[in-house]
Protein backbone atom coordinates (compact mmCIF):
# COMPACT_ATOMS: atom_id res chain seq x y z
CA MET A 1 193.87 12.05 -72.25
CA PRO A 2 190.68 10.21 -73.27
CA SER A 3 190.22 9.34 -76.90
CA PRO A 4 187.08 8.35 -78.73
CA VAL A 5 186.50 4.91 -80.12
CA LEU A 6 186.14 5.65 -83.80
CA LEU A 7 183.88 3.58 -85.99
CA PRO A 8 185.73 1.71 -88.75
CA TYR A 9 184.76 4.21 -91.47
CA GLN A 10 185.80 7.11 -89.20
CA ARG A 11 189.18 5.43 -88.57
CA GLU A 12 189.54 5.03 -92.33
CA GLY A 13 188.73 8.75 -92.71
CA VAL A 14 191.45 9.72 -90.23
CA GLU A 15 193.96 7.46 -91.99
CA THR A 16 192.99 9.05 -95.31
CA LEU A 17 193.60 12.51 -93.82
CA LYS A 18 197.05 11.30 -92.79
CA TRP A 19 197.70 9.98 -96.29
CA PHE A 20 196.72 13.39 -97.75
CA ASP A 21 198.89 15.12 -95.11
CA GLY A 22 195.90 16.97 -93.68
CA GLN A 23 194.82 18.61 -96.92
CA ALA A 24 191.33 17.37 -97.71
CA ILE A 25 187.61 17.93 -97.93
CA ILE A 26 185.49 15.58 -95.82
CA ALA A 27 182.14 15.38 -97.63
CA ASP A 28 180.35 12.75 -95.57
CA GLU A 29 176.64 13.07 -94.98
CA PRO A 30 175.48 14.88 -91.83
CA GLY A 31 175.75 12.88 -88.62
CA LEU A 32 178.57 10.57 -89.69
CA GLY A 33 181.31 12.20 -87.61
CA LYS A 34 183.16 14.67 -89.80
CA SER A 35 184.04 16.73 -86.72
CA VAL A 36 185.43 13.84 -84.71
CA GLN A 37 187.52 12.69 -87.70
CA SER A 38 188.90 16.22 -88.13
CA ILE A 39 189.75 16.47 -84.45
CA ALA A 40 191.24 12.95 -84.25
CA TYR A 41 193.61 13.71 -87.12
CA GLY A 42 194.89 16.89 -85.45
CA VAL A 43 195.33 15.24 -82.06
CA GLU A 44 196.97 12.08 -83.40
CA GLU A 45 199.42 14.15 -85.46
CA ASN A 46 199.96 16.57 -82.53
CA LEU A 47 199.14 19.60 -84.71
CA PHE A 48 198.85 22.28 -82.06
CA PRO A 49 197.99 25.06 -81.99
CA LEU A 50 194.99 24.41 -84.20
CA ILE A 51 192.17 26.67 -85.29
CA VAL A 52 188.55 25.84 -86.05
CA VAL A 53 186.51 28.30 -88.11
CA CYS A 54 182.80 27.49 -88.15
CA PRO A 55 179.34 29.07 -88.19
CA ALA A 56 178.71 31.04 -84.98
CA SER A 57 175.96 28.63 -83.89
CA LEU A 58 178.44 25.72 -83.85
CA LYS A 59 181.29 27.21 -81.79
CA ILE A 60 180.11 25.71 -78.50
CA ASN A 61 179.50 22.33 -80.18
CA TRP A 62 183.14 22.28 -81.32
CA GLN A 63 184.32 23.26 -77.86
CA ARG A 64 182.31 20.37 -76.38
CA GLU A 65 183.76 17.91 -78.91
CA PHE A 66 187.35 18.78 -77.94
CA GLU A 67 186.51 18.48 -74.24
CA LYS A 68 184.39 15.32 -74.54
CA HIS A 69 186.69 13.26 -76.73
CA TYR A 70 190.15 14.49 -75.72
CA GLY A 71 189.80 16.54 -72.55
CA LEU A 72 191.21 19.56 -74.38
CA ASP A 73 190.36 23.09 -73.34
CA SER A 74 189.73 25.59 -76.11
CA VAL A 75 189.42 29.33 -76.45
CA VAL A 76 186.25 30.54 -78.19
CA LEU A 77 186.63 33.95 -79.80
CA SER A 78 183.75 36.37 -80.20
CA GLY A 79 183.55 39.97 -81.28
CA LEU A 80 185.73 41.86 -83.73
CA ALA A 81 188.34 43.21 -81.31
CA PRO A 82 191.49 41.12 -80.81
CA GLN A 83 192.17 39.85 -77.32
CA ARG A 84 195.53 40.30 -75.61
CA ARG A 85 196.93 37.07 -74.25
CA ARG A 86 200.08 36.38 -72.34
CA GLY A 87 201.99 33.16 -72.19
CA LYS A 88 201.62 30.06 -74.30
CA PRO A 89 199.07 30.23 -77.13
CA PRO A 90 195.98 28.07 -76.63
CA ASP A 91 196.08 24.60 -78.15
CA VAL A 92 192.66 25.09 -79.72
CA THR A 93 191.09 28.35 -80.92
CA ILE A 94 187.52 28.40 -82.22
CA LEU A 95 185.88 31.31 -84.03
CA ASN A 96 183.14 32.01 -86.54
CA TYR A 97 183.46 33.03 -90.18
CA GLU A 98 181.98 36.50 -89.60
CA ILE A 99 184.89 37.63 -87.41
CA LEU A 100 187.67 35.80 -89.26
CA GLU A 101 188.84 38.74 -91.35
CA SER A 102 189.16 41.12 -88.39
CA ARG A 103 190.92 38.47 -86.28
CA LEU A 104 193.33 37.31 -89.00
CA PRO A 105 196.47 39.11 -87.69
CA GLU A 106 195.84 37.70 -84.20
CA LEU A 107 195.38 34.19 -85.60
CA LEU A 108 198.51 34.36 -87.74
CA ARG A 109 200.55 35.29 -84.64
CA LEU A 110 199.48 31.97 -83.10
CA LYS A 111 201.46 30.17 -85.84
CA PRO A 112 198.80 27.46 -86.18
CA ARG A 113 199.77 24.04 -87.51
CA TYR A 114 196.28 22.89 -88.48
CA LEU A 115 193.10 24.59 -89.67
CA ILE A 116 189.58 23.16 -89.77
CA GLY A 117 186.97 25.02 -91.83
CA ASP A 118 183.69 23.49 -90.68
CA GLU A 119 180.81 23.78 -93.14
CA GLY A 120 183.42 24.41 -95.82
CA HIS A 121 180.72 25.40 -98.29
CA TYR A 122 180.76 28.81 -96.54
CA LEU A 123 183.94 29.36 -98.58
CA GLN A 124 182.44 28.79 -102.04
CA SER A 125 182.64 32.41 -103.15
CA ARG A 126 186.28 33.01 -104.05
CA THR A 127 185.87 36.80 -103.82
CA ALA A 128 184.16 36.92 -100.40
CA LYS A 129 186.19 38.53 -97.61
CA ARG A 130 185.88 35.46 -95.40
CA THR A 131 187.16 33.21 -98.18
CA ARG A 132 190.16 35.46 -98.84
CA ALA A 133 190.94 35.62 -95.11
CA PHE A 134 190.54 31.85 -94.73
CA ARG A 135 192.81 31.26 -97.73
CA LYS A 136 195.55 33.43 -96.15
CA LEU A 137 195.27 31.53 -92.90
CA ALA A 138 195.31 28.20 -94.76
CA ARG A 139 198.47 29.17 -96.66
CA ALA A 140 200.19 30.04 -93.38
CA THR A 141 199.00 26.83 -91.73
CA GLY A 142 199.71 24.26 -94.43
CA ARG A 143 197.26 21.64 -93.23
CA VAL A 144 193.59 22.40 -93.78
CA VAL A 145 190.53 20.17 -93.65
CA LEU A 146 187.10 21.29 -94.81
CA PRO A 147 184.30 19.14 -93.38
CA THR A 148 181.03 19.79 -95.20
CA GLY A 149 178.00 17.72 -96.03
CA THR A 150 177.29 19.97 -99.04
CA PRO A 151 180.51 20.81 -100.90
CA VAL A 152 178.49 21.98 -103.91
CA THR A 153 175.20 23.76 -103.26
CA ASN A 154 174.31 25.09 -106.72
CA ARG A 155 176.87 24.58 -109.48
CA PRO A 156 180.17 22.70 -109.91
CA SER A 157 182.21 25.92 -110.14
CA GLU A 158 181.56 26.46 -106.41
CA LEU A 159 183.83 23.51 -105.66
CA TRP A 160 186.88 25.25 -107.12
CA SER A 161 187.37 27.62 -104.17
CA LEU A 162 187.38 24.71 -101.70
CA LEU A 163 189.80 22.71 -103.82
CA ASN A 164 192.08 25.75 -104.22
CA ILE A 165 192.15 26.28 -100.45
CA VAL A 166 192.97 22.63 -99.76
CA ARG A 167 195.37 21.99 -102.68
CA GLN A 168 196.48 25.16 -104.43
CA ASP A 169 199.24 23.14 -106.10
CA LEU A 170 196.66 20.99 -107.93
CA PHE A 171 193.95 23.65 -108.39
CA PRO A 172 195.72 27.00 -108.98
CA SER A 173 193.06 28.49 -111.27
């Protein structure tokens, strides 16, 4: 399986994710490799099946990253209706935030070991349906990384929801 050559700061990011046991927010600036760090952590720790939730426009980009760097196939979900699958669950499942709530039971049945919430700032509203669904999935998964270049878009209180998702033990309320 091919693996990317990580830049020193990306390697440090992956090692930091390991130190935090896969419970972190990656708030690097755009273009610095948040995705590849998130993927490298999951692959190096063998955390399959894993799920990526991202904006709809980025699903194919994530699929390409898994294929390019690790030769991993992934299943990209679209639409609200669950899909029936037989056999072994896919190693990588990618879907967008808009369908997360309707697909939650299907995703929980996969028994994922790792969850990536790309553009984590999409989860700033603690009462939004997607945030509540993501939080349930994160609790079932245990390891969750939120890569986002903008963890706070307007006010500091928006950061609480992300911190609660990643470390409910430290940020319960």
